Amino acid sequence: VGLPGRTEQSDLRHAIFGGNGDCSRPVLAPTDVAECYCLTGTALQLAAAFQTPVVLLLDGYLATCQEDVSWQPCAPYCSIEATEAPPLPAPGEYRRYRLGPSGISPVSVPGQAGYGFTATGMEHDERGRPSDSGSNHAAMAAKRHRKLEVLARSWPPPETAGPEGPLELGVIAWGPVAGAAREALAELAAGGIAAGGLFPRLMWPVQAAAFRGFAARCRVLAVVELNFYGQFADLVELAVGRPVCRIVSLEGESLSPEWVFRELGRLLEPNGDGPGAPGPGNEESR
């Protein structure tokens, strides 16, 4: 699906929710080449700390882009120390999937004497044994979701740009689209418009409190992305509790700052700031 070799941001929902069971997974999205390097290391750290798959979302633009970057060690994006696994108990008391407040369970080294456990792809109890108990399944599902809550608290607040205080227009953009949005916001600011941006790298779990704080400052709130429905816009609406304007493109090209500037400017025109517009089905938004 999609245009071969062209850029798109159409797999966000699949990256978060695709899979069996009611279990999502952390998803990261770099905005430039340097962050591809930094976030790859962070994703590996998170996968080990939270004992879960972590998806790093790239697109065609980042996969083929060339940039000069400073090849320096990257500071961790997340406080991994806050998510270390609990210490191992005595051998006879070891429960590999022990329920706990953080959702992160103790883990032994494979082959460690006295710390064996059953590993299965189906629902299991604290010792890893398959279980079809409804109460156990509910407890294990809640355990997995608690890990995401810990991650959302451990991850630093999303990058923001623009003036403090109330904003006429707030823009949320992710992946390489963030670069074009930053330049478009600079043009709007040069024209005297109070406009600001929010640029997350942690796509899931959404840091709802930070998004709500940003949204509360914005008269008009828009999400810019490269897919049909505005997949991240859906998640933002759930987080902030208000409709957002969707600015989308499906032409397989990286968005230019000029295009983003023009579309954002239209939201500020009379009758141009309705929720969800421009968006899919509105040919004038192309």
Protein backbone atom coordinates (compact mmCIF):
# COMPACT_ATOMS: atom_id res chain seq x y z
CA VAL A 1 0.00 0.00 0.00
CA GLY A 2 1.28 3.47 -0.76
CA LEU A 3 3.58 4.91 -3.38
CA PRO A 4 6.82 2.88 -3.71
CA GLY A 5 9.79 4.92 -2.59
CA ARG A 6 7.67 7.94 -1.64
CA THR A 7 7.11 9.45 1.75
CA GLU A 8 4.01 8.98 3.91
CA GLN A 9 2.95 8.80 7.56
CA SER A 10 0.22 6.23 7.15
CA ASP A 11 1.36 3.46 9.51
CA LEU A 12 1.01 5.21 12.87
CA ARG A 13 -2.14 3.37 13.96
CA HIS A 14 -0.70 0.05 12.85
CA ALA A 15 2.55 0.70 14.72
CA ILE A 16 0.67 1.49 17.94
CA PHE A 17 -2.25 -0.91 17.91
CA GLY A 18 -1.44 -3.57 15.31
CA GLY A 19 -1.20 -6.98 16.94
CA ASN A 20 -3.20 -9.52 18.87
CA GLY A 21 -4.77 -8.63 22.19
CA ASP A 22 -5.58 -5.27 23.72
CA CYS A 23 -1.96 -4.24 24.03
CA SER A 24 -0.31 -1.22 22.40
CA ARG A 25 3.42 -0.51 22.31
CA PRO A 26 5.70 2.54 22.56
CA VAL A 27 6.26 4.36 19.26
CA LEU A 28 8.99 6.93 18.58
CA ALA A 29 9.37 9.20 15.54
CA PRO A 30 12.55 11.17 14.75
CA THR A 31 12.30 14.51 12.98
CA ASP A 32 15.73 14.51 11.28
CA VAL A 33 18.73 12.32 10.48
CA ALA A 34 20.56 12.97 13.76
CA GLU A 35 17.50 11.89 15.71
CA CYS A 36 17.33 8.65 13.72
CA TYR A 37 20.64 7.77 15.36
CA CYS A 38 19.75 9.05 18.82
CA LEU A 39 16.26 7.57 18.97
CA THR A 40 17.45 4.18 17.71
CA GLY A 41 19.62 3.87 20.81
CA THR A 42 16.80 5.16 22.97
CA ALA A 43 14.39 2.62 21.48
CA LEU A 44 16.77 -0.21 22.37
CA GLN A 45 17.10 1.11 25.91
CA LEU A 46 13.35 1.40 26.31
CA ALA A 47 12.74 -2.09 24.92
CA ALA A 48 15.09 -3.52 27.54
CA ALA A 49 13.83 -1.34 30.41
CA PHE A 50 10.11 -1.81 29.74
CA GLN A 51 10.41 -5.38 28.41
CA THR A 52 8.29 -4.56 25.38
CA PRO A 53 8.70 -4.05 21.63
CA VAL A 54 9.38 -0.41 20.71
CA VAL A 55 8.64 0.86 17.20
CA LEU A 56 10.80 3.54 15.58
CA LEU A 57 8.86 5.14 12.72
CA LEU A 58 10.78 6.45 9.72
CA ASP A 59 9.41 7.52 6.36
CA GLY A 60 10.71 7.63 2.80
CA TYR A 61 12.11 11.11 3.25
CA LEU A 62 14.26 10.24 6.27
CA ALA A 63 15.29 6.91 4.72
CA THR A 64 16.86 8.69 1.73
CA CYS A 65 17.78 12.07 3.24
CA GLN A 66 21.39 13.22 3.57
CA GLU A 67 22.38 15.71 6.26
CA ASP A 68 25.60 16.83 7.91
CA VAL A 69 25.33 15.98 11.60
CA SER A 70 27.63 16.19 14.60
CA TRP A 71 28.52 12.60 15.45
CA GLN A 72 28.43 13.04 19.20
CA PRO A 73 27.00 10.76 21.89
CA CYS A 74 23.33 11.50 22.43
CA ALA A 75 21.90 12.32 25.82
CA PRO A 76 19.12 9.89 26.81
CA TYR A 77 15.65 11.10 25.88
CA CYS A 78 14.18 9.26 28.83
CA SER A 79 15.18 8.60 32.44
CA ILE A 80 15.86 4.90 32.04
CA GLU A 81 17.02 4.65 35.65
CA ALA A 82 13.46 5.31 36.79
CA THR A 83 12.28 2.19 34.99
CA GLU A 84 14.79 -0.42 36.16
CA ALA A 85 13.38 -3.86 36.86
CA PRO A 86 12.80 -4.82 40.51
CA PRO A 87 15.57 -6.91 42.12
CA LEU A 88 15.35 -10.66 41.91
CA PRO A 89 13.80 -12.40 44.91
CA ALA A 90 14.99 -15.70 46.36
CA PRO A 91 15.05 -18.45 43.69
CA GLY A 92 11.94 -20.21 44.91
CA GLU A 93 9.94 -17.00 44.98
CA TYR A 94 10.74 -15.84 41.44
CA ARG A 95 7.70 -14.79 39.38
CA ARG A 96 8.83 -13.60 35.96
CA TYR A 97 5.63 -11.60 35.29
CA ARG A 98 5.03 -10.39 38.83
CA LEU A 99 2.31 -7.77 39.12
CA GLY A 100 3.54 -4.47 40.49
CA PRO A 101 2.83 -0.73 40.54
CA SER A 102 5.09 0.07 37.55
CA GLY A 103 4.09 -2.94 35.45
CA ILE A 104 7.79 -3.81 35.09
CA SER A 105 8.65 -7.27 36.40
CA PRO A 106 11.92 -8.79 37.65
CA VAL A 107 13.92 -10.54 34.94
CA SER A 108 16.58 -13.21 35.27
CA VAL A 109 19.48 -14.06 32.99
CA PRO A 110 18.64 -17.01 30.71
CA GLY A 111 19.98 -20.19 32.30
CA GLN A 112 20.35 -18.66 35.77
CA ALA A 113 19.94 -21.47 38.30
CA GLY A 114 16.68 -21.30 40.20
CA TYR A 115 15.15 -18.62 38.01
CA GLY A 116 13.59 -20.54 35.15
CA PHE A 117 10.12 -19.62 33.89
CA THR A 118 7.64 -20.52 31.20
CA ALA A 119 7.54 -18.25 28.13
CA THR A 120 4.41 -18.43 26.01
CA GLY A 121 2.67 -16.32 23.41
CA MET A 122 -0.72 -16.62 25.10
CA GLU A 123 -2.00 -15.05 28.31
CA HIS A 124 -0.15 -16.29 31.37
CA ASP A 125 -0.01 -15.94 35.13
CA GLU A 126 2.83 -14.38 37.12
CA ARG A 127 5.02 -17.46 36.66
CA GLY A 128 4.43 -17.57 32.91
CA ARG A 129 2.06 -20.52 32.93
CA PRO A 130 -0.79 -20.28 30.35
CA SER A 131 -4.02 -19.07 31.93
CA ASP A 132 -7.53 -18.48 30.64
CA SER A 133 -8.73 -16.85 33.86
CA GLY A 134 -10.65 -13.67 33.16
CA SER A 135 -9.47 -11.96 36.35
CA ASN A 136 -5.85 -12.87 35.61
CA HIS A 137 -6.15 -11.55 32.05
CA ALA A 138 -7.58 -8.26 33.31
CA ALA A 139 -4.73 -7.93 35.81
CA MET A 140 -2.06 -8.71 33.21
CA ALA A 141 -3.56 -6.29 30.68
CA ALA A 142 -3.62 -3.54 33.31
CA LYS A 143 0.02 -4.38 34.13
CA ARG A 144 1.05 -3.87 30.50
CA HIS A 145 -0.79 -0.54 30.31
CA ARG A 146 0.87 0.68 33.52
CA LYS A 147 4.23 0.45 31.76
CA LEU A 148 3.01 2.97 29.19
CA GLU A 149 1.90 5.32 31.97
CA VAL A 150 5.38 5.13 33.51
CA LEU A 151 6.96 5.86 30.13
CA ALA A 152 4.74 8.90 29.56
CA ARG A 153 5.80 10.29 32.95
CA SER A 154 9.49 9.49 32.41
CA TRP A 155 9.74 11.02 28.93
CA PRO A 156 10.61 14.75 28.82
CA PRO A 157 7.90 17.22 27.74
CA PRO A 158 7.51 17.63 23.97
CA GLU A 159 9.48 20.38 22.24
CA THR A 160 7.54 23.60 21.85
CA ALA A 161 8.22 26.74 19.81
CA GLY A 162 6.76 30.23 19.72
CA PRO A 163 5.80 32.85 22.28
CA GLU A 164 4.56 32.14 25.77
CA GLY A 165 0.96 32.88 26.60
CA PRO A 166 -2.17 32.74 24.43
CA LEU A 167 -1.74 31.75 20.78
CA GLU A 168 -3.90 32.58 17.80
CA LEU A 169 -2.74 29.34 16.17
CA GLY A 170 -1.14 26.21 17.58
CA VAL A 171 0.46 23.62 15.30
CA ILE A 172 1.38 20.02 16.10
CA ALA A 173 3.65 18.18 13.67
CA TRP A 174 5.68 14.97 13.93
CA GLY A 175 8.43 13.25 12.01
CA PRO A 176 10.17 15.27 9.28
CA VAL A 177 7.00 17.34 8.79
CA ALA A 178 8.08 19.16 11.97
CA GLY A 179 10.87 20.92 10.08
CA ALA A 180 8.50 22.44 7.53
CA ALA A 181 6.08 23.41 10.31
CA ARG A 182 8.84 25.22 12.22
CA GLU A 183 9.70 27.32 9.17
CA ALA A 184 6.04 28.06 8.48
CA LEU A 185 5.57 29.20 12.08
CA ALA A 186 8.55 31.55 11.73
CA GLU A 187 6.89 33.11 8.67
CA LEU A 188 3.62 33.53 10.55
CA ALA A 189 5.45 35.14 13.46
CA ALA A 190 7.19 37.53 11.06
CA GLY A 191 3.72 38.57 9.92
CA GLY A 192 2.70 39.42 13.48
CA ILE A 193 0.64 36.30 14.19
CA ALA A 194 0.95 34.69 17.63
CA ALA A 195 1.63 31.13 16.51
CA GLY A 196 3.36 28.28 18.30
CA GLY A 197 4.22 24.66 17.70
CA LEU A 198 4.49 21.36 19.56
CA PHE A 199 6.74 18.64 18.12
CA PRO A 200 6.62 15.24 19.86
CA ARG A 201 9.10 12.40 19.40
CA LEU A 202 7.12 10.06 21.66
CA MET A 203 4.06 9.31 19.57
CA TRP A 204 2.63 6.72 21.93
CA PRO A 205 1.81 6.92 24.71
CA VAL A 206 0.62 10.48 24.16
CA GLN A 207 1.70 12.80 26.97
CA ALA A 208 -1.84 14.02 27.48
CA ALA A 209 -1.13 16.62 30.18
CA ALA A 210 1.48 18.40 28.02
CA PHE A 211 -0.83 18.36 25.00
CA ARG A 212 -3.73 19.72 27.03
CA GLY A 213 -1.58 22.52 28.37
CA PHE A 214 -0.53 23.52 24.87
CA ALA A 215 -4.06 23.22 23.46
CA ALA A 216 -5.46 25.44 26.24
CA ARG A 217 -3.32 28.29 24.93
CA CYS A 218 -4.52 28.01 21.32
CA ARG A 219 -7.58 29.59 19.71
CA VAL A 220 -7.08 27.36 16.66
CA LEU A 221 -5.29 24.01 16.98
CA ALA A 222 -4.04 22.12 13.92
CA VAL A 223 -2.15 18.89 13.24
CA VAL A 224 -0.09 18.60 10.06
CA GLU A 225 0.71 15.10 8.76
CA LEU A 226 1.05 12.92 5.68
CA ASN A 227 -1.94 10.57 5.75
CA PHE A 228 -5.61 10.62 4.79
CA TYR A 229 -7.54 10.80 8.06
CA GLY A 230 -5.09 12.61 10.27
CA GLN A 231 -4.12 9.59 12.35
CA PHE A 232 -2.21 11.52 14.99
CA ALA A 233 -4.91 14.20 15.01
CA ASP A 234 -7.33 11.50 16.21
CA LEU A 235 -5.06 10.73 19.16
CA VAL A 236 -4.57 14.43 19.90
CA GLU A 237 -8.34 14.99 19.99
CA LEU A 238 -8.72 12.20 22.53
CA ALA A 239 -5.92 13.66 24.64
CA VAL A 240 -7.03 17.31 24.64
CA GLY A 241 -10.81 16.84 24.54
CA ARG A 242 -11.48 19.25 21.68
CA PRO A 243 -11.64 19.08 17.87
CA VAL A 244 -8.48 19.90 15.93
CA CYS A 245 -7.99 21.06 12.36
CA ARG A 246 -6.40 18.48 10.07
CA ILE A 247 -3.91 19.57 7.44
CA VAL A 248 -3.06 16.51 5.37
CA SER A 249 -1.40 15.60 2.10
CA LEU A 250 -1.33 12.32 0.16
CA GLU A 251 0.89 13.24 -2.79
CA GLY A 252 3.94 11.32 -1.61
CA GLU A 253 6.11 14.41 -1.33
CA SER A 254 7.73 15.92 1.75
CA LEU A 255 5.81 19.03 2.71
CA SER A 256 7.38 22.38 1.91
CA PRO A 257 7.33 25.24 4.42
CA GLU A 258 5.49 27.32 1.80
CA TRP A 259 2.69 24.76 1.52
CA VAL A 260 2.32 24.48 5.29
CA PHE A 261 2.41 28.29 5.66
CA ARG A 262 -0.36 28.67 3.08
CA GLU A 263 -2.58 26.02 4.66
CA LEU A 264 -2.09 27.39 8.16
CA GLY A 265 -2.87 30.87 6.96
CA ARG A 266 -6.18 29.69 5.56
CA LEU A 267 -7.23 28.51 9.01
CA LEU A 268 -7.04 32.09 10.22
CA GLU A 269 -9.24 33.45 7.44
CA PRO A 270 -12.94 34.11 8.19
CA ASN A 271 -14.81 30.78 8.34
CA GLY A 272 -11.52 28.97 7.88
CA ASP A 273 -11.02 27.54 11.36
CA GLY A 274 -13.75 24.92 11.55
CA PRO A 275 -12.81 21.67 13.32
CA GLY A 276 -11.25 19.14 11.00
CA ALA A 277 -10.80 21.44 8.01
CA PRO A 278 -8.98 21.37 5.73
CA GLY A 279 -8.86 17.63 5.49
CA PRO A 280 -9.73 14.53 3.46
CA GLY A 281 -12.39 15.14 0.88
CA ASN A 282 -11.72 18.86 0.76
CA GLU A 283 -9.95 19.35 -2.55
CA GLU A 284 -9.10 22.93 -1.66
CA SER A 285 -6.81 21.62 1.09
CA ARG A 286 -4.45 20.05 -1.47
